[in-house]
PDB file of N, CA and C in Angstrom:
ATOM      1  N   MET A   1       0.820  -1.187   0.000  1.00  0.00           N
ATOM      2  CA  MET A   1       0.000   0.000   0.000  1.00  0.00           C
ATOM      3  C   MET A   1       0.867   1.255   0.000  1.00  0.00           C
ATOM      4  N   PHE A   2       1.926   1.257   0.796  1.00  0.00           N
ATOM      5  CA  PHE A   2       2.802   2.422   0.861  1.00  0.00           C
ATOM      6  C   PHE A   2       3.483   2.671  -0.474  1.00  0.00           C
ATOM      7  N   LEU A   3       3.857   1.616  -1.156  1.00  0.00           N
ATOM      8  CA  LEU A   3       4.530   1.759  -2.442  1.00  0.00           C
ATOM      9  C   LEU A   3       3.613   2.421  -3.464  1.00  0.00           C
ATOM     10  N   THR A   4       2.374   2.048  -3.490  1.00  0.00           N
ATOM     11  CA  THR A   4       1.458   2.645  -4.461  1.00  0.00           C
ATOM     12  C   THR A   4       1.176   4.099  -4.119  1.00  0.00           C
ATOM     13  N   LEU A   5       1.093   4.412  -2.839  1.00  0.00           N
ATOM     14  CA  LEU A   5       0.873   5.786  -2.431  1.00  0.00           C
ATOM     15  C   LEU A   5       2.084   6.648  -2.794  1.00  0.00           C
ATOM     16  N   LYS A   6       3.275   6.098  -2.571  1.00  0.00           N
ATOM     17  CA  LYS A   6       4.501   6.819  -2.913  1.00  0.00           C
ATOM     18  C   LYS A   6       4.596   6.995  -4.430  1.00  0.00           C
ATOM     19  N   LEU A   7       4.255   5.961  -5.166  1.00  0.00           N
ATOM     20  CA  LEU A   7       4.292   6.038  -6.619  1.00  0.00           C
ATOM     21  C   LEU A   7       3.304   7.081  -7.133  1.00  0.00           C
ATOM     22  N   LYS A   8       2.122   7.136  -6.560  1.00  0.00           N
ATOM     23  CA  LYS A   8       1.140   8.137  -6.955  1.00  0.00           C
ATOM     24  C   LYS A   8       1.655   9.546  -6.694  1.00  0.00           C
ATOM     25  N   LEU A   9       2.312   9.743  -5.561  1.00  0.00           N
ATOM     26  CA  LEU A   9       2.860  11.047  -5.223  1.00  0.00           C
ATOM     27  C   LEU A   9       3.951  11.451  -6.204  1.00  0.00           C
ATOM     28  N   VAL A  10       4.833  10.530  -6.539  1.00  0.00           N
ATOM     29  CA  VAL A  10       5.913  10.813  -7.484  1.00  0.00           C
ATOM     30  C   VAL A  10       5.342  11.159  -8.854  1.00  0.00           C
ATOM     31  N   LEU A  11       4.379  10.384  -9.307  1.00  0.00           N
ATOM     32  CA  LEU A  11       3.777  10.646 -10.614  1.00  0.00           C
ATOM     33  C   LEU A  11       3.035  11.976 -10.630  1.00  0.00           C
ATOM     34  N   ALA A  12       2.351  12.283  -9.547  1.00  0.00           N
ATOM     35  CA  ALA A  12       1.619  13.550  -9.480  1.00  0.00           C
ATOM     36  C   ALA A  12       2.580  14.728  -9.535  1.00  0.00           C
ATOM     37  N   LEU A  13       3.685  14.631  -8.829  1.00  0.00           N
ATOM     38  CA  LEU A  13       4.660  15.721  -8.841  1.00  0.00           C
ATOM     39  C   LEU A  13       5.391  15.804 -10.176  1.00  0.00           C
ATOM     40  N   ARG A  14       5.619  14.662 -10.793  1.00  0.00           N
ATOM     41  CA  ARG A  14       6.380  14.638 -12.040  1.00  0.00           C
ATOM     42  C   ARG A  14       5.607  15.247 -13.205  1.00  0.00           C
ATOM     43  N   PHE A  15       4.315  15.051 -13.248  1.00  0.00           N
ATOM     44  CA  PHE A  15       3.537  15.480 -14.393  1.00  0.00           C
ATOM     45  C   PHE A  15       2.754  16.775 -14.166  1.00  0.00           C
ATOM     46  N   THR A  16       3.060  17.513 -13.109  1.00  0.00           N
ATOM     47  CA  THR A  16       2.343  18.760 -12.878  1.00  0.00           C
ATOM     48  C   THR A  16       2.907  19.900 -13.712  1.00  0.00           C
ATOM     49  N   ASN A  17       4.135  19.802 -14.165  1.00  0.00           N
ATOM     50  CA  ASN A  17       4.758  20.895 -14.902  1.00  0.00           C
ATOM     51  C   ASN A  17       4.721  20.709 -16.412  1.00  0.00           C
ATOM     52  N   ILE A  18       3.891  19.814 -16.903  1.00  0.00           N
ATOM     53  CA  ILE A  18       3.789  19.605 -18.337  1.00  0.00           C
ATOM     54  C   ILE A  18       3.033  20.783 -18.932  1.00  0.00           C
ATOM     55  N   PRO A  19       3.633  21.466 -19.922  1.00  0.00           N
ATOM     56  CA  PRO A  19       2.939  22.621 -20.489  1.00  0.00           C
ATOM     57  C   PRO A  19       1.709  22.197 -21.285  1.00  0.00           C
ATOM     58  N   LYS A  20       0.701  23.020 -21.234  1.00  0.00           N
ATOM     59  CA  LYS A  20      -0.527  22.763 -21.980  1.00  0.00           C
ATOM     60  C   LYS A  20      -0.345  23.236 -23.421  1.00  0.00           C
ATOM     61  N   LEU A  21      -0.954  22.517 -24.356  1.00  0.00           N
ATOM     62  CA  LEU A  21      -0.931  22.939 -25.739  1.00  0.00           C
ATOM     63  C   LEU A  21      -1.919  24.068 -25.920  1.00  0.00           C
ATOM     64  N   ARG A  22      -1.475  25.122 -26.575  1.00  0.00           N
ATOM     65  CA  ARG A  22      -2.367  26.245 -26.808  1.00  0.00           C
ATOM     66  C   ARG A  22      -3.175  25.999 -28.069  1.00  0.00           C
ATOM     67  N   GLN A  23      -4.419  26.342 -28.009  1.00  0.00           N
ATOM     68  CA  GLN A  23      -5.298  26.204 -29.159  1.00  0.00           C
ATOM     69  C   GLN A  23      -5.544  27.590 -29.747  1.00  0.00           C
ATOM     70  N   TYR A  24      -5.428  27.686 -31.052  1.00  0.00           N
ATOM     71  CA  TYR A  24      -5.641  28.951 -31.737  1.00  0.00           C
ATOM     72  C   TYR A  24      -6.849  28.823 -32.645  1.00  0.00           C
ATOM     73  N   ASP A  25      -7.532  29.924 -32.830  1.00  0.00           N
ATOM     74  CA  ASP A  25      -8.657  29.961 -33.743  1.00  0.00           C
ATOM     75  C   ASP A  25      -8.143  29.642 -35.149  1.00  0.00           C
ATOM     76  N   LYS A  26      -8.720  28.630 -35.775  1.00  0.00           N
ATOM     77  CA  LYS A  26      -8.220  28.181 -37.078  1.00  0.00           C
ATOM     78  C   LYS A  26      -8.332  29.264 -38.142  1.00  0.00           C
ATOM     79  N   SER A  27      -9.387  30.065 -38.065  1.00  0.00           N
ATOM     80  CA  SER A  27      -9.531  31.119 -39.070  1.00  0.00           C
ATOM     81  C   SER A  27      -8.451  32.183 -38.895  1.00  0.00           C
ATOM     82  N   LYS A  28      -8.135  32.539 -37.633  1.00  0.00           N
ATOM     83  CA  LYS A  28      -7.061  33.506 -37.393  1.00  0.00           C
ATOM     84  C   LYS A  28      -5.724  32.964 -37.876  1.00  0.00           C
ATOM     85  N   LEU A  29      -5.481  31.687 -37.615  1.00  0.00           N
ATOM     86  CA  LEU A  29      -4.236  31.068 -38.053  1.00  0.00           C
ATOM     87  C   LEU A  29      -4.135  31.092 -39.575  1.00  0.00           C
ATOM     88  N   GLN A  30      -5.224  30.774 -40.263  1.00  0.00           N
ATOM     89  CA  GLN A  30      -5.213  30.787 -41.730  1.00  0.00           C
ATOM     90  C   GLN A  30      -4.999  32.195 -42.274  1.00  0.00           C
ATOM     91  N   TYR A  31      -5.651  33.188 -41.664  1.00  0.00           N
ATOM     92  CA  TYR A  31      -5.449  34.576 -42.094  1.00  0.00           C
ATOM     93  C   TYR A  31      -3.999  35.003 -41.896  1.00  0.00           C
ATOM     94  N   ALA A  32      -3.440  34.649 -40.755  1.00  0.00           N
ATOM     95  CA  ALA A  32      -2.049  35.020 -40.478  1.00  0.00           C
ATOM     96  C   ALA A  32      -1.101  34.363 -41.476  1.00  0.00           C
ATOM     97  N   LEU A  33      -1.311  33.078 -41.755  1.00  0.00           N
ATOM     98  CA  LEU A  33      -0.441  32.369 -42.699  1.00  0.00           C
ATOM     99  C   LEU A  33      -0.573  32.938 -44.111  1.00  0.00           C
ATOM    100  N   SER A  34      -1.794  33.261 -44.509  1.00  0.00           N
ATOM    101  CA  SER A  34      -1.966  33.814 -45.858  1.00  0.00           C
ATOM    102  C   SER A  34      -1.358  35.208 -45.955  1.00  0.00           C
ATOM    103  N   ASP A  35      -1.464  36.015 -44.895  1.00  0.00           N
ATOM    104  CA  ASP A  35      -0.831  37.345 -44.905  1.00  0.00           C
ATOM    105  C   ASP A  35       0.680  37.234 -45.032  1.00  0.00           C
ATOM    106  N   ILE A  36       1.262  36.267 -44.350  1.00  0.00           N
ATOM    107  CA  ILE A  36       2.715  36.083 -44.422  1.00  0.00           C
ATOM    108  C   ILE A  36       3.115  35.598 -45.810  1.00  0.00           C
ATOM    109  N   GLN A  37       2.369  34.641 -46.349  1.00  0.00           N
ATOM    110  CA  GLN A  37       2.692  34.110 -47.672  1.00  0.00           C
ATOM    111  C   GLN A  37       2.520  35.164 -48.765  1.00  0.00           C
ATOM    112  N   ASN A  38       1.521  36.039 -48.638  1.00  0.00           N
ATOM    113  CA  ASN A  38       1.294  37.083 -49.630  1.00  0.00           C
ATOM    114  C   ASN A  38       2.297  38.225 -49.511  1.00  0.00           C
ATOM    115  N   GLY A  39       2.985  38.288 -48.379  1.00  0.00           N
ATOM    116  CA  GLY A  39       3.965  39.346 -48.168  1.00  0.00           C
ATOM    117  C   GLY A  39       3.376  40.615 -47.586  1.00  0.00           C
ATOM    118  N   THR A  40       2.122  40.589 -47.187  1.00  0.00           N
ATOM    119  CA  THR A  40       1.507  41.788 -46.606  1.00  0.00           C
ATOM    120  C   THR A  40       1.876  41.964 -45.139  1.00  0.00           C
ATOM    121  N   GLU A  41       2.276  40.883 -44.481  1.00  0.00           N
ATOM    122  CA  GLU A  41       2.674  40.941 -43.064  1.00  0.00           C
ATOM    123  C   GLU A  41       3.976  40.168 -42.869  1.00  0.00           C
ATOM    124  N   SER A  42       4.784  40.637 -41.915  1.00  0.00           N
ATOM    125  CA  SER A  42       5.949  39.850 -41.513  1.00  0.00           C
ATOM    126  C   SER A  42       5.517  38.917 -40.395  1.00  0.00           C
ATOM    127  N   TYR A  43       6.416  38.025 -39.982  1.00  0.00           N
ATOM    128  CA  TYR A  43       6.083  37.107 -38.895  1.00  0.00           C
ATOM    129  C   TYR A  43       5.744  37.888 -37.623  1.00  0.00           C
ATOM    130  N   ARG A  44       6.528  38.899 -37.324  1.00  0.00           N
ATOM    131  CA  ARG A  44       6.324  39.666 -36.088  1.00  0.00           C
ATOM    132  C   ARG A  44       5.022  40.458 -36.105  1.00  0.00           C
ATOM    133  N   THR A  45       4.723  41.102 -37.228  1.00  0.00           N
ATOM    134  CA  THR A  45       3.482  41.873 -37.266  1.00  0.00           C
ATOM    135  C   THR A  45       2.262  40.947 -37.237  1.00  0.00           C
ATOM    136  N   ALA A  46       2.359  39.787 -37.881  1.00  0.00           N
ATOM    137  CA  ALA A  46       1.265  38.818 -37.824  1.00  0.00           C
ATOM    138  C   ALA A  46       1.108  38.281 -36.409  1.00  0.00           C
ATOM    139  N   GLU A  47       2.229  38.082 -35.727  1.00  0.00           N
ATOM    140  CA  GLU A  47       2.179  37.623 -34.340  1.00  0.00           C
ATOM    141  C   GLU A  47       1.423  38.623 -33.473  1.00  0.00           C
ATOM    142  N   ASN A  48       1.744  39.895 -33.616  1.00  0.00           N
ATOM    143  CA  ASN A  48       1.078  40.928 -32.820  1.00  0.00           C
ATOM    144  C   ASN A  48      -0.374  41.127 -33.236  1.00  0.00           C
ATOM    145  N   LYS A  49      -0.656  41.041 -34.529  1.00  0.00           N
ATOM    146  CA  LYS A  49      -2.002  41.282 -35.036  1.00  0.00           C
ATOM    147  C   LYS A  49      -2.973  40.164 -34.662  1.00  0.00           C
ATOM    148  N   TYR A  50      -2.527  38.905 -34.770  1.00  0.00           N
ATOM    149  CA  TYR A  50      -3.419  37.769 -34.563  1.00  0.00           C
ATOM    150  C   TYR A  50      -3.234  37.074 -33.210  1.00  0.00           C
ATOM    151  N   GLY A  51      -2.187  37.412 -32.476  1.00  0.00           N
ATOM    152  CA  GLY A  51      -1.964  36.807 -31.163  1.00  0.00           C
ATOM    153  C   GLY A  51      -1.465  35.374 -31.216  1.00  0.00           C
ATOM    154  N   ILE A  52      -0.785  35.018 -32.313  1.00  0.00           N
ATOM    155  CA  ILE A  52      -0.242  33.668 -32.474  1.00  0.00           C
ATOM    156  C   ILE A  52       1.279  33.789 -32.487  1.00  0.00           C
ATOM    157  N   PRO A  53       1.999  33.008 -31.681  1.00  0.00           N
ATOM    158  CA  PRO A  53       3.448  33.135 -31.616  1.00  0.00           C
ATOM    159  C   PRO A  53       4.133  32.950 -32.967  1.00  0.00           C
ATOM    160  N   LYS A  54       5.227  33.675 -33.139  1.00  0.00           N
ATOM    161  CA  LYS A  54       6.012  33.621 -34.369  1.00  0.00           C
ATOM    162  C   LYS A  54       6.488  32.200 -34.654  1.00  0.00           C
ATOM    163  N   SER A  55       6.889  31.488 -33.618  1.00  0.00           N
ATOM    164  CA  SER A  55       7.389  30.119 -33.807  1.00  0.00           C
ATOM    165  C   SER A  55       6.292  29.197 -34.341  1.00  0.00           C
ATOM    166  N   THR A  56       5.051  29.406 -33.906  1.00  0.00           N
ATOM    167  CA  THR A  56       3.931  28.602 -34.408  1.00  0.00           C
ATOM    168  C   THR A  56       3.681  28.900 -35.871  1.00  0.00           C
ATOM    169  N   LEU A  57       3.723  30.169 -36.242  1.00  0.00           N
ATOM    170  CA  LEU A  57       3.519  30.557 -37.635  1.00  0.00           C
ATOM    171  C   LEU A  57       4.618  29.980 -38.522  1.00  0.00           C
ATOM    172  N   GLU A  58       5.855  30.062 -38.055  1.00  0.00           N
ATOM    173  CA  GLU A  58       6.977  29.509 -38.824  1.00  0.00           C
ATOM    174  C   GLU A  58       6.815  28.002 -39.011  1.00  0.00           C
ATOM    175  N   PHE A  59       6.471  27.303 -37.948  1.00  0.00           N
ATOM    176  CA  PHE A  59       6.314  25.853 -38.025  1.00  0.00           C
ATOM    177  C   PHE A  59       5.197  25.474 -38.981  1.00  0.00           C
ATOM    178  N   GLN A  60       4.070  26.180 -38.904  1.00  0.00           N
ATOM    179  CA  GLN A  60       2.938  25.868 -39.772  1.00  0.00           C
ATOM    180  C   GLN A  60       3.282  26.077 -41.246  1.00  0.00           C
ATOM    181  N   LEU A  61       4.094  27.082 -41.544  1.00  0.00           N
ATOM    182  CA  LEU A  61       4.472  27.319 -42.938  1.00  0.00           C
ATOM    183  C   LEU A  61       5.512  26.315 -43.421  1.00  0.00           C
ATOM    184  N   LYS A  62       6.388  25.885 -42.537  1.00  0.00           N
ATOM    185  CA  LYS A  62       7.429  24.932 -42.936  1.00  0.00           C
ATOM    186  C   LYS A  62       6.905  23.500 -43.008  1.00  0.00           C
ATOM    187  N   HIS A  63       5.881  23.188 -42.231  1.00  0.00           N
ATOM    188  CA  HIS A  63       5.338  21.827 -42.163  1.00  0.00           C
ATOM    189  C   HIS A  63       3.821  21.858 -42.375  1.00  0.00           C
ATOM    190  N   PRO A  64       3.357  22.161 -43.585  1.00  0.00           N
ATOM    191  CA  PRO A  64       1.907  22.282 -43.783  1.00  0.00           C
ATOM    192  C   PRO A  64       1.142  20.967 -43.659  1.00  0.00           C
ATOM    193  N   SER A  65       1.825  19.842 -43.845  1.00  0.00           N
ATOM    194  CA  SER A  65       1.120  18.562 -43.775  1.00  0.00           C
ATOM    195  C   SER A  65       1.143  17.943 -42.381  1.00  0.00           C
ATOM    196  N   HIS A  66       1.657  18.669 -41.394  1.00  0.00           N
ATOM    197  CA  HIS A  66       1.736  18.156 -40.032  1.00  0.00           C
ATOM    198  C   HIS A  66       0.337  17.970 -39.467  1.00  0.00           C
ATOM    199  N   LYS A  67       0.097  16.800 -38.862  1.00  0.00           N
ATOM    200  CA  LYS A  67      -1.236  16.528 -38.327  1.00  0.00           C
ATOM    201  C   LYS A  67      -1.468  17.312 -37.042  1.00  0.00           C
ATOM    202  N   GLU A  68      -2.715  17.518 -36.714  1.00  0.00           N
ATOM    203  CA  GLU A  68      -3.079  18.333 -35.560  1.00  0.00           C
ATOM    204  C   GLU A  68      -3.150  17.551 -34.263  1.00  0.00           C
ATOM    205  N   THR A  69      -3.367  16.248 -34.343  1.00  0.00           N
ATOM    206  CA  THR A  69      -3.519  15.454 -33.130  1.00  0.00           C
ATOM    207  C   THR A  69      -2.179  14.852 -32.717  1.00  0.00           C
ATOM    208  N   LEU A  70      -2.063  14.582 -31.440  1.00  0.00           N
ATOM    209  CA  LEU A  70      -0.854  13.973 -30.903  1.00  0.00           C
ATOM    210  C   LEU A  70      -1.079  12.486 -30.691  1.00  0.00           C
ATOM    211  N   GLY A  71      -0.027  11.717 -30.764  1.00  0.00           N
ATOM    212  CA  GLY A  71      -0.099  10.297 -30.460  1.00  0.00           C
ATOM    213  C   GLY A  71      -0.617   9.474 -31.617  1.00  0.00           C
ATOM    214  N   PRO A  72      -0.707   8.181 -31.397  1.00  0.00           N
ATOM    215  CA  PRO A  72      -1.199   7.295 -32.459  1.00  0.00           C
ATOM    216  C   PRO A  72      -2.704   7.460 -32.657  1.00  0.00           C
ATOM    217  N   PRO A  73      -3.210   7.032 -33.803  1.00  0.00           N
ATOM    218  CA  PRO A  73      -4.654   7.125 -34.025  1.00  0.00           C
ATOM    219  C   PRO A  73      -5.398   6.175 -33.093  1.00  0.00           C
ATOM    220  N   PRO A  74      -6.626   6.519 -32.724  1.00  0.00           N
ATOM    221  CA  PRO A  74      -7.382   5.648 -31.814  1.00  0.00           C
ATOM    222  C   PRO A  74      -7.734   4.320 -32.469  1.00  0.00           C
ATOM    223  N   ILE A  75      -7.771   3.281 -31.656  1.00  0.00           N
ATOM    224  CA  ILE A  75      -8.101   1.946 -32.150  1.00  0.00           C
ATOM    225  C   ILE A  75      -9.615   1.791 -32.232  1.00  0.00           C
ATOM    226  N   LEU A  76     -10.317   2.257 -31.202  1.00  0.00           N
ATOM    227  CA  LEU A  76     -11.772   2.155 -31.170  1.00  0.00           C
ATOM    228  C   LEU A  76     -12.413   3.469 -31.601  1.00  0.00           C
ATOM    229  N   THR A  77     -13.563   3.368 -32.235  1.00  0.00           N
ATOM    230  CA  THR A  77     -14.319   4.570 -32.561  1.00  0.00           C
ATOM    231  C   THR A  77     -15.044   5.049 -31.306  1.00  0.00           C
ATOM    232  N   SER A  78     -15.583   6.232 -31.359  1.00  0.00           N
ATOM    233  CA  SER A  78     -16.329   6.773 -30.217  1.00  0.00           C
ATOM    234  C   SER A  78     -17.535   5.911 -29.889  1.00  0.00           C
ATOM    235  N   GLU A  79     -18.182   5.382 -30.931  1.00  0.00           N
ATOM    236  CA  GLU A  79     -19.352   4.534 -30.705  1.00  0.00           C
ATOM    237  C   GLU A  79     -18.954   3.236 -30.005  1.00  0.00           C
ATOM    238  N   GLU A  80     -17.828   2.654 -30.403  1.00  0.00           N
ATOM    239  CA  GLU A  80     -17.364   1.410 -29.766  1.00  0.00           C
ATOM    240  C   GLU A  80     -16.992   1.649 -28.309  1.00  0.00           C
ATOM    241  N   GLU A  81     -16.362   2.795 -28.025  1.00  0.00           N
ATOM    242  CA  GLU A  81     -16.028   3.124 -26.632  1.00  0.00           C
ATOM    243  C   GLU A  81     -17.287   3.277 -25.804  1.00  0.00           C
ATOM    244  N   ALA A  82     -18.291   3.960 -26.345  1.00  0.00           N
ATOM    245  CA  ALA A  82     -19.551   4.151 -25.623  1.00  0.00           C
ATOM    246  C   ALA A  82     -20.231   2.811 -25.385  1.00  0.00           C
ATOM    247  N   LEU A  83     -20.172   1.919 -26.358  1.00  0.00           N
ATOM    248  CA  LEU A  83     -20.776   0.595 -26.213  1.00  0.00           C
ATOM    249  C   LEU A  83     -20.096  -0.186 -25.089  1.00  0.00           C
ATOM    250  N   LEU A  84     -18.776  -0.109 -25.024  1.00  0.00           N
ATOM    251  CA  LEU A  84     -18.052  -0.802 -23.959  1.00  0.00           C
ATOM    252  C   LEU A  84     -18.378  -0.213 -22.587  1.00  0.00           C
ATOM    253  N   LEU A  85     -18.525   1.101 -22.509  1.00  0.00           N
ATOM    254  CA  LEU A  85     -18.854   1.726 -21.243  1.00  0.00           C
ATOM    255  C   LEU A  85     -20.263   1.366 -20.787  1.00  0.00           C
ATOM    256  N   ASP A  86     -21.179   1.210 -21.740  1.00  0.00           N
ATOM    257  CA  ASP A  86     -22.555   0.837 -21.396  1.00  0.00           C
ATOM    258  C   ASP A  86     -22.656  -0.581 -20.859  1.00  0.00           C
ATOM    259  N   LYS A  87     -21.746  -1.458 -21.302  1.00  0.00           N
ATOM    260  CA  LYS A  87     -21.779  -2.869 -20.883  1.00  0.00           C
ATOM    261  C   LYS A  87     -21.237  -3.059 -19.477  1.00  0.00           C
ATOM    262  N   ARG A  88     -20.645  -2.058 -18.879  1.00  0.00           N
ATOM    263  CA  ARG A  88     -20.093  -2.190 -17.526  1.00  0.00           C
ATOM    264  C   ARG A  88     -21.123  -2.519 -16.559  1.00  0.00           C
TER     265      ARG A  88
END
């Protein structure tokens, strides 16, 4: 019992400082990227105008095919998960 309590404490302390992913309005992000690509805005002015960090804008332009979700794709669909939860 003590080992599990200690392990829980260690895990809780270890994962409290994980930064949260910021979510940006997709339309604002698209406007900012198009302004930069058209040459009407620089990275810095787009950052100030739309409130999206310069590093995010740079990454989005350099890696346009990068997926939005993290981790592997889910194995079960939402309906299958709900079905399993209902059977409990």
